[in-house]
């Protein structure tokens, strides 16, 4: 049962329990209204609990990795000094 269906049951039940004043033989509309409202409240609580449980169990964490380090090797070319003059 979803949130919308639960709210509809609560509203319909409270309307029957509090606003309707019709007597039917063998059927108490006030009791039916209170039962529908109670079922709607229970359904709403279950739906919200299930939604909350789904939200907390699914977690995505970003994995941050260090960028690769590129090392350059510098080559130093040394020239031998010129020979001393004779």
C-alpha atoms as a PDB file:
ATOM      1  CA  UNK A   1       0.000   0.000   0.000  1.00  0.00           C
ATOM      2  CA  UNK A   2       1.421   3.359  -0.942  1.00  0.00           C
ATOM      3  CA  UNK A   3       1.287   6.720   0.740  1.00  0.00           C
ATOM      4  CA  UNK A   4      -1.577   7.904  -1.452  1.00  0.00           C
ATOM      5  CA  UNK A   5      -3.763   4.871  -0.766  1.00  0.00           C
ATOM      6  CA  UNK A   6      -3.114   5.196   2.963  1.00  0.00           C
ATOM      7  CA  UNK A   7      -4.126   8.849   2.976  1.00  0.00           C
ATOM      8  CA  UNK A   8      -7.287   8.035   0.999  1.00  0.00           C
ATOM      9  CA  UNK A   9      -8.218   5.327   3.514  1.00  0.00           C
ATOM     10  CA  UNK A  10      -7.602   7.680   6.431  1.00  0.00           C
ATOM     11  CA  UNK A  11      -9.695  10.434   4.861  1.00  0.00           C
ATOM     12  CA  UNK A  12     -12.529   8.099   3.881  1.00  0.00           C
ATOM     13  CA  UNK A  13     -12.521   6.473   7.304  1.00  0.00           C
ATOM     14  CA  UNK A  14     -12.620   9.768   9.160  1.00  0.00           C
ATOM     15  CA  UNK A  15     -15.410  11.040   6.932  1.00  0.00           C
ATOM     16  CA  UNK A  16     -17.447   7.924   7.647  1.00  0.00           C
ATOM     17  CA  UNK A  17     -16.658   7.996  11.363  1.00  0.00           C
ATOM     18  CA  UNK A  18     -17.152  11.675  12.051  1.00  0.00           C
ATOM     19  CA  UNK A  19     -19.265  13.295   9.341  1.00  0.00           C
ATOM     20  CA  UNK A  20     -21.792  10.719   8.144  1.00  0.00           C
ATOM     21  CA  UNK A  21     -24.918  10.323  10.237  1.00  0.00           C
ATOM     22  CA  UNK A  22     -26.795   7.593   8.409  1.00  0.00           C
ATOM     23  CA  UNK A  23     -28.260   4.540  10.109  1.00  0.00           C
ATOM     24  CA  UNK A  24     -28.146   1.305   8.181  1.00  0.00           C
ATOM     25  CA  UNK A  25     -29.571  -1.897   9.579  1.00  0.00           C
ATOM     26  CA  UNK A  26     -26.827  -4.369  10.347  1.00  0.00           C
ATOM     27  CA  UNK A  27     -23.984  -1.974   9.503  1.00  0.00           C
ATOM     28  CA  UNK A  28     -22.380   0.585  11.764  1.00  0.00           C
ATOM     29  CA  UNK A  29     -20.785   3.174   9.463  1.00  0.00           C
ATOM     30  CA  UNK A  30     -18.929   4.835  12.318  1.00  0.00           C
ATOM     31  CA  UNK A  31     -17.193   1.574  13.199  1.00  0.00           C
ATOM     32  CA  UNK A  32     -16.378   0.957   9.521  1.00  0.00           C
ATOM     33  CA  UNK A  33     -14.948   4.475   9.337  1.00  0.00           C
ATOM     34  CA  UNK A  34     -12.731   3.985  12.368  1.00  0.00           C
ATOM     35  CA  UNK A  35     -11.515   0.648  10.988  1.00  0.00           C
ATOM     36  CA  UNK A  36     -10.667   2.226   7.617  1.00  0.00           C
ATOM     37  CA  UNK A  37      -8.845   5.083   9.347  1.00  0.00           C
ATOM     38  CA  UNK A  38      -6.856   2.647  11.484  1.00  0.00           C
ATOM     39  CA  UNK A  39      -5.934   0.526   8.447  1.00  0.00           C
ATOM     40  CA  UNK A  40      -4.837   3.700   6.651  1.00  0.00           C
ATOM     41  CA  UNK A  41      -2.637   4.786   9.567  1.00  0.00           C
ATOM     42  CA  UNK A  42      -1.036   1.342   9.831  1.00  0.00           C
ATOM     43  CA  UNK A  43      -0.467   1.257   6.066  1.00  0.00           C
ATOM     44  CA  UNK A  44       1.081   4.718   6.142  1.00  0.00           C
ATOM     45  CA  UNK A  45       3.434   3.759   8.968  1.00  0.00           C
ATOM     46  CA  UNK A  46       4.503   0.574   7.187  1.00  0.00           C
ATOM     47  CA  UNK A  47       5.054   2.435   3.914  1.00  0.00           C
ATOM     48  CA  UNK A  48       7.136   5.148   5.566  1.00  0.00           C
ATOM     49  CA  UNK A  49       9.161   2.550   7.464  1.00  0.00           C
ATOM     50  CA  UNK A  50       9.911   0.654   4.269  1.00  0.00           C
ATOM     51  CA  UNK A  51      10.904   3.837   2.431  1.00  0.00           C
ATOM     52  CA  UNK A  52      13.172   4.869   5.276  1.00  0.00           C
ATOM     53  CA  UNK A  53      14.779   1.437   5.374  1.00  0.00           C
ATOM     54  CA  UNK A  54      15.499   1.576   1.638  1.00  0.00           C
ATOM     55  CA  UNK A  55      17.089   4.988   1.918  1.00  0.00           C
ATOM     56  CA  UNK A  56      19.457   4.030   4.706  1.00  0.00           C
ATOM     57  CA  UNK A  57      20.656   0.746   3.205  1.00  0.00           C
ATOM     58  CA  UNK A  58      21.596   2.161  -0.172  1.00  0.00           C
ATOM     59  CA  UNK A  59      24.671   4.272   0.175  1.00  0.00           C
ATOM     60  CA  UNK A  60      26.988   5.384  -2.513  1.00  0.00           C
ATOM     61  CA  UNK A  61      30.340   6.708  -1.576  1.00  0.00           C
ATOM     62  CA  UNK A  62      32.611   8.437  -3.976  1.00  0.00           C
ATOM     63  CA  UNK A  63      36.071   6.937  -4.088  1.00  0.00           C
ATOM     64  CA  UNK A  64      38.621   9.640  -4.449  1.00  0.00           C
ATOM     65  CA  UNK A  65      41.958   8.486  -5.680  1.00  0.00           C
ATOM     66  CA  UNK A  66      45.140  10.446  -5.877  1.00  0.00           C
ATOM     67  CA  UNK A  67      46.017  11.430  -9.423  1.00  0.00           C
ATOM     68  CA  UNK A  68      48.921   9.464 -10.820  1.00  0.00           C
ATOM     69  CA  UNK A  69      52.262  11.089 -10.221  1.00  0.00           C
ATOM     70  CA  UNK A  70      54.349  11.536 -13.340  1.00  0.00           C
ATOM     71  CA  UNK A  71      58.005  11.883 -12.616  1.00  0.00           C
ATOM     72  CA  UNK A  72      60.338  13.240 -15.201  1.00  0.00           C
ATOM     73  CA  UNK A  73      63.901  12.251 -15.200  1.00  0.00           C
ATOM     74  CA  UNK A  74      66.212  15.019 -16.201  1.00  0.00           C
ATOM     75  CA  UNK A  75      69.369  13.982 -17.893  1.00  0.00           C
ATOM     76  CA  UNK A  76      72.347  16.189 -17.457  1.00  0.00           C
ATOM     77  CA  UNK A  77      74.895  15.878 -20.200  1.00  0.00           C
ATOM     78  CA  UNK A  78      78.305  16.891 -19.026  1.00  0.00           C
ATOM     79  CA  UNK A  79      80.964  17.717 -21.461  1.00  0.00           C
ATOM     80  CA  UNK A  80      84.492  17.084 -20.485  1.00  0.00           C
ATOM     81  CA  UNK A  81      86.378  20.303 -20.136  1.00  0.00           C
ATOM     82  CA  UNK A  82      88.714  21.005 -22.995  1.00  0.00           C
ATOM     83  CA  UNK A  83      92.244  19.779 -22.445  1.00  0.00           C
ATOM     84  CA  UNK A  84      94.618  22.381 -21.114  1.00  0.00           C
ATOM     85  CA  UNK A  85      96.772  24.069 -23.709  1.00  0.00           C
ATOM     86  CA  UNK A  86     100.406  22.918 -23.948  1.00  0.00           C
END
